């Protein structure tokens, strides 16, 4: 699955596919089919099937967990950018935006905030 994801990222880079790409482009359709395949494979393995259940009764643990997960995503995005893997960095930012989370890049580092 990791190799498939890497190939998809290379495909995105090679054909310069981004959020502004023409949805009628055959390459966008091929990319969509490949990502559906990746999603199906992840479901077969039981990945991303159900949301994480909080262990804390008061919700405080959820906030801490979310903060740690966001720090991980920010670190992965930073590593992708330093490796000039801008497609992966953009995917992380775009997916978080879809989920209602904005990444705030500043000279001191990257932070995040909920937008919805």
PDB file of N, CA and C in Angstrom:
ATOM      1  N   UNK A   1       0.830  -1.191   0.000  1.00  0.00           N
ATOM      2  CA  UNK A   1       0.000   0.000   0.000  1.00  0.00           C
ATOM      3  C   UNK A   1       0.874   1.254   0.000  1.00  0.00           C
ATOM      4  N   UNK A   2       1.969   1.199   0.754  1.00  0.00           N
ATOM      5  CA  UNK A   2       2.860   2.350   0.795  1.00  0.00           C
ATOM      6  C   UNK A   2       3.441   2.624  -0.595  1.00  0.00           C
ATOM      7  N   UNK A   3       3.804   1.558  -1.311  1.00  0.00           N
ATOM      8  CA  UNK A   3       4.345   1.717  -2.660  1.00  0.00           C
ATOM      9  C   UNK A   3       3.292   2.287  -3.608  1.00  0.00           C
ATOM     10  N   UNK A   4       2.046   1.849  -3.449  1.00  0.00           N
ATOM     11  CA  UNK A   4       0.967   2.390  -4.269  1.00  0.00           C
ATOM     12  C   UNK A   4       0.790   3.879  -3.997  1.00  0.00           C
ATOM     13  N   UNK A   5       0.812   4.257  -2.744  1.00  0.00           N
ATOM     14  CA  UNK A   5       0.683   5.671  -2.393  1.00  0.00           C
ATOM     15  C   UNK A   5       1.849   6.481  -2.962  1.00  0.00           C
ATOM     16  N   UNK A   6       3.039   5.946  -2.872  1.00  0.00           N
ATOM     17  CA  UNK A   6       4.211   6.625  -3.440  1.00  0.00           C
ATOM     18  C   UNK A   6       4.044   6.795  -4.956  1.00  0.00           C
ATOM     19  N   UNK A   7       3.554   5.744  -5.622  1.00  0.00           N
ATOM     20  CA  UNK A   7       3.328   5.832  -7.070  1.00  0.00           C
ATOM     21  C   UNK A   7       2.270   6.875  -7.402  1.00  0.00           C
ATOM     22  N   UNK A   8       1.232   6.940  -6.603  1.00  0.00           N
ATOM     23  CA  UNK A   8       0.186   7.948  -6.824  1.00  0.00           C
ATOM     24  C   UNK A   8       0.754   9.354  -6.668  1.00  0.00           C
ATOM     25  N   UNK A   9       1.598   9.542  -5.674  1.00  0.00           N
ATOM     26  CA  UNK A   9       2.214  10.862  -5.477  1.00  0.00           C
ATOM     27  C   UNK A   9       3.104  11.234  -6.661  1.00  0.00           C
ATOM     28  N   UNK A  10       3.845  10.260  -7.178  1.00  0.00           N
ATOM     29  CA  UNK A  10       4.686  10.531  -8.353  1.00  0.00           C
ATOM     30  C   UNK A  10       3.814  10.884  -9.563  1.00  0.00           C
ATOM     31  N   UNK A  11       2.711  10.175  -9.710  1.00  0.00           N
ATOM     32  CA  UNK A  11       1.780  10.425 -10.817  1.00  0.00           C
ATOM     33  C   UNK A  11       1.224  11.849 -10.719  1.00  0.00           C
ATOM     34  N   UNK A  12       0.854  12.255  -9.511  1.00  0.00           N
ATOM     35  CA  UNK A  12       0.345  13.616  -9.282  1.00  0.00           C
ATOM     36  C   UNK A  12       1.413  14.639  -9.653  1.00  0.00           C
ATOM     37  N   UNK A  13       2.640  14.395  -9.229  1.00  0.00           N
ATOM     38  CA  UNK A  13       3.741  15.309  -9.545  1.00  0.00           C
ATOM     39  C   UNK A  13       4.024  15.348 -11.050  1.00  0.00           C
ATOM     40  N   UNK A  14       4.091  14.163 -11.644  1.00  0.00           N
ATOM     41  CA  UNK A  14       4.456  14.079 -13.063  1.00  0.00           C
ATOM     42  C   UNK A  14       3.470  14.835 -13.952  1.00  0.00           C
ATOM     43  N   UNK A  15       2.185  14.682 -13.657  1.00  0.00           N
ATOM     44  CA  UNK A  15       1.163  15.326 -14.493  1.00  0.00           C
ATOM     45  C   UNK A  15       0.639  16.621 -13.880  1.00  0.00           C
ATOM     46  N   UNK A  16       1.274  17.067 -12.811  1.00  0.00           N
ATOM     47  CA  UNK A  16       0.924  18.322 -12.137  1.00  0.00           C
ATOM     48  C   UNK A  16      -0.570  18.401 -11.837  1.00  0.00           C
ATOM     49  N   UNK A  17      -1.075  17.334 -11.230  1.00  0.00           N
ATOM     50  CA  UNK A  17      -2.482  17.278 -10.856  1.00  0.00           C
ATOM     51  C   UNK A  17      -2.636  17.870  -9.466  1.00  0.00           C
ATOM     52  N   UNK A  18      -3.535  18.785  -9.313  1.00  0.00           N
ATOM     53  CA  UNK A  18      -3.817  19.374  -8.013  1.00  0.00           C
ATOM     54  C   UNK A  18      -5.310  19.637  -7.916  1.00  0.00           C
ATOM     55  N   UNK A  19      -5.719  20.372  -6.912  1.00  0.00           N
ATOM     56  CA  UNK A  19      -7.137  20.628  -6.680  1.00  0.00           C
ATOM     57  C   UNK A  19      -7.774  21.391  -7.835  1.00  0.00           C
ATOM     58  N   UNK A  20      -6.959  22.081  -8.645  1.00  0.00           N
ATOM     59  CA  UNK A  20      -7.488  22.864  -9.755  1.00  0.00           C
ATOM     60  C   UNK A  20      -7.501  22.104 -11.074  1.00  0.00           C
ATOM     61  N   UNK A  21      -7.121  20.827 -11.043  1.00  0.00           N
ATOM     62  CA  UNK A  21      -7.074  20.031 -12.277  1.00  0.00           C
ATOM     63  C   UNK A  21      -8.489  19.831 -12.819  1.00  0.00           C
ATOM     64  N   UNK A  22      -8.578  19.749 -14.136  1.00  0.00           N
ATOM     65  CA  UNK A  22      -9.861  19.544 -14.811  1.00  0.00           C
ATOM     66  C   UNK A  22     -10.414  18.171 -14.445  1.00  0.00           C
ATOM     67  N   UNK A  23     -11.595  18.105 -13.812  1.00  0.00           N
ATOM     68  CA  UNK A  23     -12.139  16.811 -13.389  1.00  0.00           C
ATOM     69  C   UNK A  23     -12.474  15.891 -14.567  1.00  0.00           C
ATOM     70  N   UNK A  24     -12.554  16.435 -15.787  1.00  0.00           N
ATOM     71  CA  UNK A  24     -12.846  15.627 -16.968  1.00  0.00           C
ATOM     72  C   UNK A  24     -11.585  15.062 -17.613  1.00  0.00           C
ATOM     73  N   UNK A  25     -10.426  15.435 -17.114  1.00  0.00           N
ATOM     74  CA  UNK A  25      -9.148  14.951 -17.625  1.00  0.00           C
ATOM     75  C   UNK A  25      -9.050  13.446 -17.334  1.00  0.00           C
ATOM     76  N   UNK A  26      -8.627  12.692 -18.340  1.00  0.00           N
ATOM     77  CA  UNK A  26      -8.504  11.231 -18.189  1.00  0.00           C
ATOM     78  C   UNK A  26      -7.536  10.869 -17.070  1.00  0.00           C
ATOM     79  N   UNK A  27      -6.485  11.690 -16.871  1.00  0.00           N
ATOM     80  CA  UNK A  27      -5.511  11.410 -15.815  1.00  0.00           C
ATOM     81  C   UNK A  27      -6.134  11.562 -14.432  1.00  0.00           C
ATOM     82  N   UNK A  28      -7.019  12.538 -14.281  1.00  0.00           N
ATOM     83  CA  UNK A  28      -7.717  12.724 -13.008  1.00  0.00           C
ATOM     84  C   UNK A  28      -8.609  11.513 -12.743  1.00  0.00           C
ATOM     85  N   UNK A  29      -9.263  11.008 -13.785  1.00  0.00           N
ATOM     86  CA  UNK A  29     -10.111   9.822 -13.644  1.00  0.00           C
ATOM     87  C   UNK A  29      -9.270   8.613 -13.237  1.00  0.00           C
ATOM     88  N   UNK A  30      -8.099   8.447 -13.865  1.00  0.00           N
ATOM     89  CA  UNK A  30      -7.213   7.342 -13.497  1.00  0.00           C
ATOM     90  C   UNK A  30      -6.758   7.466 -12.044  1.00  0.00           C
ATOM     91  N   UNK A  31      -6.418   8.676 -11.640  1.00  0.00           N
ATOM     92  CA  UNK A  31      -6.003   8.914 -10.263  1.00  0.00           C
ATOM     93  C   UNK A  31      -7.136   8.588  -9.297  1.00  0.00           C
ATOM     94  N   UNK A  32      -8.353   8.978  -9.641  1.00  0.00           N
ATOM     95  CA  UNK A  32      -9.515   8.686  -8.786  1.00  0.00           C
ATOM     96  C   UNK A  32      -9.722   7.186  -8.637  1.00  0.00           C
ATOM     97  N   UNK A  33      -9.586   6.461  -9.739  1.00  0.00           N
ATOM     98  CA  UNK A  33      -9.741   5.008  -9.677  1.00  0.00           C
ATOM     99  C   UNK A  33      -8.656   4.376  -8.800  1.00  0.00           C
ATOM    100  N   UNK A  34      -7.447   4.863  -8.926  1.00  0.00           N
ATOM    101  CA  UNK A  34      -6.347   4.321  -8.130  1.00  0.00           C
ATOM    102  C   UNK A  34      -6.538   4.625  -6.642  1.00  0.00           C
ATOM    103  N   UNK A  35      -7.022   5.828  -6.328  1.00  0.00           N
ATOM    104  CA  UNK A  35      -7.236   6.154  -4.914  1.00  0.00           C
ATOM    105  C   UNK A  35      -8.382   5.337  -4.337  1.00  0.00           C
ATOM    106  N   UNK A  36      -9.383   5.036  -5.154  1.00  0.00           N
ATOM    107  CA  UNK A  36     -10.463   4.154  -4.675  1.00  0.00           C
ATOM    108  C   UNK A  36      -9.911   2.762  -4.374  1.00  0.00           C
ATOM    109  N   UNK A  37      -8.996   2.292  -5.209  1.00  0.00           N
ATOM    110  CA  UNK A  37      -8.352   0.995  -4.980  1.00  0.00           C
ATOM    111  C   UNK A  37      -7.573   1.022  -3.669  1.00  0.00           C
ATOM    112  N   UNK A  38      -6.824   2.101  -3.450  1.00  0.00           N
ATOM    113  CA  UNK A  38      -6.071   2.239  -2.202  1.00  0.00           C
ATOM    114  C   UNK A  38      -7.018   2.224  -1.002  1.00  0.00           C
ATOM    115  N   UNK A  39      -8.133   2.908  -1.109  1.00  0.00           N
ATOM    116  CA  UNK A  39      -9.115   2.934  -0.016  1.00  0.00           C
ATOM    117  C   UNK A  39      -9.676   1.536   0.236  1.00  0.00           C
ATOM    118  N   UNK A  40      -9.998   0.812  -0.833  1.00  0.00           N
ATOM    119  CA  UNK A  40     -10.521  -0.542  -0.669  1.00  0.00           C
ATOM    120  C   UNK A  40      -9.498  -1.464  -0.009  1.00  0.00           C
ATOM    121  N   UNK A  41      -8.237  -1.311  -0.390  1.00  0.00           N
ATOM    122  CA  UNK A  41      -7.192  -2.120   0.241  1.00  0.00           C
ATOM    123  C   UNK A  41      -7.084  -1.805   1.731  1.00  0.00           C
ATOM    124  N   UNK A  42      -7.195  -0.534   2.074  1.00  0.00           N
ATOM    125  CA  UNK A  42      -7.106  -0.166   3.483  1.00  0.00           C
ATOM    126  C   UNK A  42      -8.285  -0.734   4.263  1.00  0.00           C
ATOM    127  N   UNK A  43      -9.457  -0.792   3.639  1.00  0.00           N
ATOM    128  CA  UNK A  43     -10.629  -1.364   4.314  1.00  0.00           C
ATOM    129  C   UNK A  43     -10.457  -2.868   4.521  1.00  0.00           C
ATOM    130  N   UNK A  44      -9.867  -3.544   3.529  1.00  0.00           N
ATOM    131  CA  UNK A  44      -9.626  -4.982   3.654  1.00  0.00           C
ATOM    132  C   UNK A  44      -8.730  -5.260   4.858  1.00  0.00           C
ATOM    133  N   UNK A  45      -7.762  -4.369   5.075  1.00  0.00           N
ATOM    134  CA  UNK A  45      -6.842  -4.538   6.197  1.00  0.00           C
ATOM    135  C   UNK A  45      -7.407  -4.013   7.510  1.00  0.00           C
ATOM    136  N   UNK A  46      -8.596  -3.435   7.449  1.00  0.00           N
ATOM    137  CA  UNK A  46      -9.222  -2.928   8.667  1.00  0.00           C
ATOM    138  C   UNK A  46      -8.731  -1.561   9.085  1.00  0.00           C
ATOM    139  N   UNK A  47      -8.082  -0.850   8.172  1.00  0.00           N
ATOM    140  CA  UNK A  47      -7.591   0.488   8.488  1.00  0.00           C
ATOM    141  C   UNK A  47      -8.713   1.506   8.321  1.00  0.00           C
ATOM    142  N   UNK A  48      -8.768   2.446   9.209  1.00  0.00           N
ATOM    143  CA  UNK A  48      -9.703   3.568   9.119  1.00  0.00           C
ATOM    144  C   UNK A  48     -11.170   3.137   9.105  1.00  0.00           C
ATOM    145  N   UNK A  49     -11.477   1.996   9.720  1.00  0.00           N
ATOM    146  CA  UNK A  49     -12.836   1.486   9.701  1.00  0.00           C
ATOM    147  C   UNK A  49     -13.729   2.207  10.692  1.00  0.00           C
ATOM    148  N   UNK A  50     -13.258   2.393  11.904  1.00  0.00           N
ATOM    149  CA  UNK A  50     -14.096   3.070  12.892  1.00  0.00           C
ATOM    150  C   UNK A  50     -13.271   4.117  13.626  1.00  0.00           C
ATOM    151  N   UNK A  51     -13.926   5.158  14.094  1.00  0.00           N
ATOM    152  CA  UNK A  51     -13.188   6.223  14.769  1.00  0.00           C
ATOM    153  C   UNK A  51     -12.572   5.758  16.088  1.00  0.00           C
ATOM    154  N   UNK A  52     -11.515   6.446  16.477  1.00  0.00           N
ATOM    155  CA  UNK A  52     -10.848   6.154  17.741  1.00  0.00           C
ATOM    156  C   UNK A  52     -11.780   6.508  18.890  1.00  0.00           C
ATOM    157  N   UNK A  53     -11.925   5.611  19.834  1.00  0.00           N
ATOM    158  CA  UNK A  53     -12.760   5.851  21.004  1.00  0.00           C
ATOM    159  C   UNK A  53     -11.926   6.506  22.091  1.00  0.00           C
ATOM    160  N   UNK A  54     -12.474   7.488  22.716  1.00  0.00           N
ATOM    161  CA  UNK A  54     -11.771   8.193  23.775  1.00  0.00           C
ATOM    162  C   UNK A  54     -11.674   7.317  25.013  1.00  0.00           C
ATOM    163  N   UNK A  55     -10.528   7.354  25.660  1.00  0.00           N
ATOM    164  CA  UNK A  55     -10.346   6.636  26.907  1.00  0.00           C
ATOM    165  C   UNK A  55     -10.715   7.503  28.106  1.00  0.00           C
ATOM    166  N   UNK A  56     -10.749   8.812  27.873  1.00  0.00           N
ATOM    167  CA  UNK A  56     -11.066   9.746  28.960  1.00  0.00           C
ATOM    168  C   UNK A  56     -12.570  10.010  28.979  1.00  0.00           C
ATOM    169  N   UNK A  57     -13.135  10.058  30.148  1.00  0.00           N
ATOM    170  CA  UNK A  57     -14.561  10.287  30.275  1.00  0.00           C
ATOM    171  C   UNK A  57     -14.958  11.743  30.127  1.00  0.00           C
ATOM    172  N   UNK A  58     -14.045  12.670  30.348  1.00  0.00           N
ATOM    173  CA  UNK A  58     -14.411  14.080  30.339  1.00  0.00           C
ATOM    174  C   UNK A  58     -14.056  14.796  29.044  1.00  0.00           C
ATOM    175  N   UNK A  59     -13.519  14.080  28.054  1.00  0.00           N
ATOM    176  CA  UNK A  59     -13.172  14.709  26.789  1.00  0.00           C
ATOM    177  C   UNK A  59     -11.813  15.377  26.800  1.00  0.00           C
ATOM    178  N   UNK A  60     -11.197  15.517  27.949  1.00  0.00           N
ATOM    179  CA  UNK A  60      -9.881  16.153  28.033  1.00  0.00           C
ATOM    180  C   UNK A  60      -8.849  15.328  27.284  1.00  0.00           C
ATOM    181  N   UNK A  61      -8.959  14.012  27.346  1.00  0.00           N
ATOM    182  CA  UNK A  61      -8.046  13.131  26.619  1.00  0.00           C
ATOM    183  C   UNK A  61      -8.176  13.301  25.126  1.00  0.00           C
ATOM    184  N   UNK A  62      -9.401  13.587  24.650  1.00  0.00           N
ATOM    185  CA  UNK A  62      -9.612  13.800  23.222  1.00  0.00           C
ATOM    186  C   UNK A  62      -8.813  14.997  22.742  1.00  0.00           C
ATOM    187  N   UNK A  63      -8.823  16.053  23.486  1.00  0.00           N
ATOM    188  CA  UNK A  63      -8.116  17.266  23.108  1.00  0.00           C
ATOM    189  C   UNK A  63      -6.615  17.020  23.037  1.00  0.00           C
ATOM    190  N   UNK A  64      -6.094  16.314  24.015  1.00  0.00           N
ATOM    191  CA  UNK A  64      -4.663  16.001  24.032  1.00  0.00           C
ATOM    192  C   UNK A  64      -4.292  15.083  22.870  1.00  0.00           C
ATOM    193  N   UNK A  65      -5.146  14.090  22.619  1.00  0.00           N
ATOM    194  CA  UNK A  65      -4.899  13.162  21.518  1.00  0.00           C
ATOM    195  C   UNK A  65      -4.925  13.907  20.186  1.00  0.00           C
ATOM    196  N   UNK A  66      -5.915  14.757  19.990  1.00  0.00           N
ATOM    197  CA  UNK A  66      -6.015  15.536  18.767  1.00  0.00           C
ATOM    198  C   UNK A  66      -4.776  16.401  18.584  1.00  0.00           C
ATOM    199  N   UNK A  67      -4.321  17.024  19.642  1.00  0.00           N
ATOM    200  CA  UNK A  67      -3.140  17.870  19.564  1.00  0.00           C
ATOM    201  C   UNK A  67      -1.912  17.055  19.146  1.00  0.00           C
ATOM    202  N   UNK A  68      -1.764  15.868  19.694  1.00  0.00           N
ATOM    203  CA  UNK A  68      -0.634  15.015  19.346  1.00  0.00           C
ATOM    204  C   UNK A  68      -0.728  14.525  17.902  1.00  0.00           C
ATOM    205  N   UNK A  69      -1.925  14.161  17.464  1.00  0.00           N
ATOM    206  CA  UNK A  69      -2.117  13.717  16.084  1.00  0.00           C
ATOM    207  C   UNK A  69      -1.814  14.863  15.120  1.00  0.00           C
ATOM    208  N   UNK A  70      -2.256  16.063  15.456  1.00  0.00           N
ATOM    209  CA  UNK A  70      -1.987  17.216  14.603  1.00  0.00           C
ATOM    210  C   UNK A  70      -0.489  17.505  14.549  1.00  0.00           C
ATOM    211  N   UNK A  71       0.206  17.382  15.663  1.00  0.00           N
ATOM    212  CA  UNK A  71       1.657  17.596  15.677  1.00  0.00           C
ATOM    213  C   UNK A  71       2.331  16.574  14.766  1.00  0.00           C
ATOM    214  N   UNK A  72       1.866  15.319  14.796  1.00  0.00           N
ATOM    215  CA  UNK A  72       2.406  14.280  13.923  1.00  0.00           C
ATOM    216  C   UNK A  72       2.196  14.646  12.453  1.00  0.00           C
ATOM    217  N   UNK A  73       0.992  15.063  12.097  1.00  0.00           N
ATOM    218  CA  UNK A  73       0.704  15.439  10.716  1.00  0.00           C
ATOM    219  C   UNK A  73       1.540  16.641  10.274  1.00  0.00           C
ATOM    220  N   UNK A  74       1.690  17.602  11.155  1.00  0.00           N
ATOM    221  CA  UNK A  74       2.514  18.773  10.844  1.00  0.00           C
ATOM    222  C   UNK A  74       3.970  18.348  10.615  1.00  0.00           C
ATOM    223  N   UNK A  75       4.466  17.442  11.455  1.00  0.00           N
ATOM    224  CA  UNK A  75       5.840  16.953  11.291  1.00  0.00           C
ATOM    225  C   UNK A  75       6.004  16.177   9.984  1.00  0.00           C
ATOM    226  N   UNK A  76       5.013  15.344   9.634  1.00  0.00           N
ATOM    227  CA  UNK A  76       5.076  14.589   8.381  1.00  0.00           C
ATOM    228  C   UNK A  76       5.048  15.529   7.174  1.00  0.00           C
ATOM    229  N   UNK A  77       4.221  16.568   7.250  1.00  0.00           N
ATOM    230  CA  UNK A  77       4.152  17.551   6.171  1.00  0.00           C
ATOM    231  C   UNK A  77       5.482  18.293   6.041  1.00  0.00           C
ATOM    232  N   UNK A  78       6.062  18.652   7.180  1.00  0.00           N
ATOM    233  CA  UNK A  78       7.352  19.352   7.161  1.00  0.00           C
ATOM    234  C   UNK A  78       8.425  18.468   6.525  1.00  0.00           C
ATOM    235  N   UNK A  79       8.431  17.189   6.876  1.00  0.00           N
ATOM    236  CA  UNK A  79       9.408  16.258   6.309  1.00  0.00           C
ATOM    237  C   UNK A  79       9.196  16.107   4.804  1.00  0.00           C
ATOM    238  N   UNK A  80       7.931  16.018   4.381  1.00  0.00           N
ATOM    239  CA  UNK A  80       7.634  15.908   2.951  1.00  0.00           C
ATOM    240  C   UNK A  80       8.138  17.141   2.212  1.00  0.00           C
ATOM    241  N   UNK A  81       7.902  18.312   2.777  1.00  0.00           N
ATOM    242  CA  UNK A  81       8.372  19.553   2.143  1.00  0.00           C
ATOM    243  C   UNK A  81       9.892  19.603   2.077  1.00  0.00           C
ATOM    244  N   UNK A  82      10.566  19.155   3.134  1.00  0.00           N
ATOM    245  CA  UNK A  82      12.031  19.186   3.121  1.00  0.00           C
ATOM    246  C   UNK A  82      12.594  18.194   2.107  1.00  0.00           C
ATOM    247  N   UNK A  83      11.822  17.148   1.791  1.00  0.00           N
ATOM    248  CA  UNK A  83      12.218  16.176   0.767  1.00  0.00           C
ATOM    249  C   UNK A  83      11.714  16.571  -0.621  1.00  0.00           C
ATOM    250  N   UNK A  84      11.161  17.780  -0.722  1.00  0.00           N
ATOM    251  CA  UNK A  84      10.602  18.312  -1.974  1.00  0.00           C
ATOM    252  C   UNK A  84       9.462  17.447  -2.502  1.00  0.00           C
ATOM    253  N   UNK A  85       8.770  16.774  -1.597  1.00  0.00           N
ATOM    254  CA  UNK A  85       7.585  15.985  -1.939  1.00  0.00           C
ATOM    255  C   UNK A  85       6.371  16.877  -1.694  1.00  0.00           C
ATOM    256  N   UNK A  86       6.232  17.867  -2.558  1.00  0.00           N
ATOM    257  CA  UNK A  86       5.196  18.874  -2.355  1.00  0.00           C
ATOM    258  C   UNK A  86       3.790  18.305  -2.546  1.00  0.00           C
ATOM    259  N   UNK A  87       3.672  17.267  -3.347  1.00  0.00           N
ATOM    260  CA  UNK A  87       2.354  16.659  -3.549  1.00  0.00           C
ATOM    261  C   UNK A  87       1.815  16.098  -2.235  1.00  0.00           C
ATOM    262  N   UNK A  88       2.658  15.384  -1.501  1.00  0.00           N
ATOM    263  CA  UNK A  88       2.230  14.831  -0.214  1.00  0.00           C
ATOM    264  C   UNK A  88       1.929  15.945   0.781  1.00  0.00           C
ATOM    265  N   UNK A  89       2.782  16.963   0.806  1.00  0.00           N
ATOM    266  CA  UNK A  89       2.546  18.098   1.710  1.00  0.00           C
ATOM    267  C   UNK A  89       1.212  18.770   1.393  1.00  0.00           C
ATOM    268  N   UNK A  90       0.913  18.917   0.102  1.00  0.00           N
ATOM    269  CA  UNK A  90      -0.352  19.536  -0.302  1.00  0.00           C
ATOM    270  C   UNK A  90      -1.544  18.654   0.046  1.00  0.00           C
ATOM    271  N   UNK A  91      -1.379  17.347  -0.109  1.00  0.00           N
ATOM    272  CA  UNK A  91      -2.469  16.424   0.235  1.00  0.00           C
ATOM    273  C   UNK A  91      -2.792  16.534   1.721  1.00  0.00           C
ATOM    274  N   UNK A  92      -1.770  16.579   2.558  1.00  0.00           N
ATOM    275  CA  UNK A  92      -1.996  16.697   4.004  1.00  0.00           C
ATOM    276  C   UNK A  92      -2.757  17.986   4.304  1.00  0.00           C
ATOM    277  N   UNK A  93      -2.289  19.101   3.755  1.00  0.00           N
ATOM    278  CA  UNK A  93      -2.962  20.390   3.987  1.00  0.00           C
ATOM    279  C   UNK A  93      -4.407  20.351   3.464  1.00  0.00           C
ATOM    280  N   UNK A  94      -4.598  19.869   2.245  1.00  0.00           N
ATOM    281  CA  UNK A  94      -5.937  19.867   1.639  1.00  0.00           C
ATOM    282  C   UNK A  94      -6.914  18.973   2.383  1.00  0.00           C
ATOM    283  N   UNK A  95      -6.464  17.808   2.792  1.00  0.00           N
ATOM    284  CA  UNK A  95      -7.363  16.905   3.536  1.00  0.00           C
ATOM    285  C   UNK A  95      -7.738  17.488   4.890  1.00  0.00           C
ATOM    286  N   UNK A  96      -6.771  18.124   5.553  1.00  0.00           N
ATOM    287  CA  UNK A  96      -7.083  18.767   6.833  1.00  0.00           C
ATOM    288  C   UNK A  96      -8.071  19.914   6.626  1.00  0.00           C
ATOM    289  N   UNK A  97      -7.902  20.655   5.539  1.00  0.00           N
ATOM    290  CA  UNK A  97      -8.835  21.740   5.230  1.00  0.00           C
ATOM    291  C   UNK A  97     -10.242  21.183   5.039  1.00  0.00           C
ATOM    292  N   UNK A  98     -10.348  20.059   4.324  1.00  0.00           N
ATOM    293  CA  UNK A  98     -11.650  19.406   4.133  1.00  0.00           C
ATOM    294  C   UNK A  98     -12.272  19.006   5.461  1.00  0.00           C
ATOM    295  N   UNK A  99     -11.440  18.686   6.441  1.00  0.00           N
ATOM    296  CA  UNK A  99     -11.923  18.271   7.760  1.00  0.00           C
ATOM    297  C   UNK A  99     -12.183  19.457   8.687  1.00  0.00           C
ATOM    298  N   UNK A 100     -11.944  20.669   8.177  1.00  0.00           N
ATOM    299  CA  UNK A 100     -12.198  21.859   8.988  1.00  0.00           C
ATOM    300  C   UNK A 100     -11.031  22.264   9.860  1.00  0.00           C
ATOM    301  N   UNK A 101      -9.823  21.947   9.416  1.00  0.00           N
ATOM    302  CA  UNK A 101      -8.620  22.309  10.169  1.00  0.00           C
ATOM    303  C   UNK A 101      -7.692  23.090   9.245  1.00  0.00           C
ATOM    304  N   UNK A 102      -7.264  24.257   9.702  1.00  0.00           N
ATOM    305  CA  UNK A 102      -6.349  25.094   8.936  1.00  0.00           C
ATOM    306  C   UNK A 102      -4.949  24.993   9.522  1.00  0.00           C
ATOM    307  N   UNK A 103      -3.961  24.855   8.642  1.00  0.00           N
ATOM    308  CA  UNK A 103      -2.564  24.897   9.065  1.00  0.00           C
ATOM    309  C   UNK A 103      -2.069  26.329   8.895  1.00  0.00           C
ATOM    310  N   UNK A 104      -1.412  26.832   9.922  1.00  0.00           N
ATOM    311  CA  UNK A 104      -0.930  28.207   9.928  1.00  0.00           C
ATOM    312  C   UNK A 104       0.587  28.197   9.901  1.00  0.00           C
ATOM    313  N   UNK A 105       1.160  28.436   8.718  1.00  0.00           N
ATOM    314  CA  UNK A 105       2.614  28.458   8.567  1.00  0.00           C
ATOM    315  C   UNK A 105       3.139  29.832   8.936  1.00  0.00           C
ATOM    316  N   UNK A 106       4.011  29.877   9.917  1.00  0.00           N
ATOM    317  CA  UNK A 106       4.643  31.123  10.355  1.00  0.00           C
ATOM    318  C   UNK A 106       6.132  30.877  10.482  1.00  0.00           C
ATOM    319  N   UNK A 107       6.902  31.937  10.609  1.00  0.00           N
ATOM    320  CA  UNK A 107       8.350  31.759  10.697  1.00  0.00           C
ATOM    321  C   UNK A 107       8.758  30.984  11.939  1.00  0.00           C
ATOM    322  N   UNK A 108       7.937  31.011  13.004  1.00  0.00           N
ATOM    323  CA  UNK A 108       8.242  30.258  14.227  1.00  0.00           C
ATOM    324  C   UNK A 108       7.914  28.772  14.083  1.00  0.00           C
ATOM    325  N   UNK A 109       7.151  28.426  13.052  1.00  0.00           N
ATOM    326  CA  UNK A 109       6.730  27.045  12.848  1.00  0.00           C
ATOM    327  C   UNK A 109       5.272  26.991  12.422  1.00  0.00           C
ATOM    328  N   UNK A 110       4.760  25.798  12.312  1.00  0.00           N
ATOM    329  CA  UNK A 110       3.379  25.596  11.866  1.00  0.00           C
ATOM    330  C   UNK A 110       2.495  25.253  13.058  1.00  0.00           C
ATOM    331  N   UNK A 111       1.368  25.936  13.144  1.00  0.00           N
ATOM    332  CA  UNK A 111       0.334  25.628  14.123  1.00  0.00           C
ATOM    333  C   UNK A 111      -0.943  25.293  13.375  1.00  0.00           C
ATOM    334  N   UNK A 112      -1.978  24.976  14.111  1.00  0.00           N
ATOM    335  CA  UNK A 112      -3.237  24.644  13.488  1.00  0.00           C
ATOM    336  C   UNK A 112      -4.387  25.222  14.284  1.00  0.00           C
ATOM    337  N   UNK A 113      -5.546  25.322  13.601  1.00  0.00           N
ATOM    338  CA  UNK A 113      -6.769  25.749  14.266  1.00  0.00           C
ATOM    339  C   UNK A 113      -7.964  25.150  13.547  1.00  0.00           C
ATOM    340  N   UNK A 114      -9.030  24.976  14.292  1.00  0.00           N
ATOM    341  CA  UNK A 114     -10.272  24.505  13.679  1.00  0.00           C
ATOM    342  C   UNK A 114     -10.928  25.658  12.963  1.00  0.00           C
ATOM    343  N   UNK A 115     -11.481  25.367  11.789  1.00  0.00           N
ATOM    344  CA  UNK A 115     -12.158  26.412  11.028  1.00  0.00           C
ATOM    345  C   UNK A 115     -13.664  26.241  11.046  1.00  0.00           C
ATOM    346  N   UNK A 116     -14.128  25.102  11.502  1.00  0.00           N
ATOM    347  CA  UNK A 116     -15.577  24.883  11.547  1.00  0.00           C
ATOM    348  C   UNK A 116     -15.999  24.299  12.862  1.00  0.00           C
TER     349      UNK A 116
END
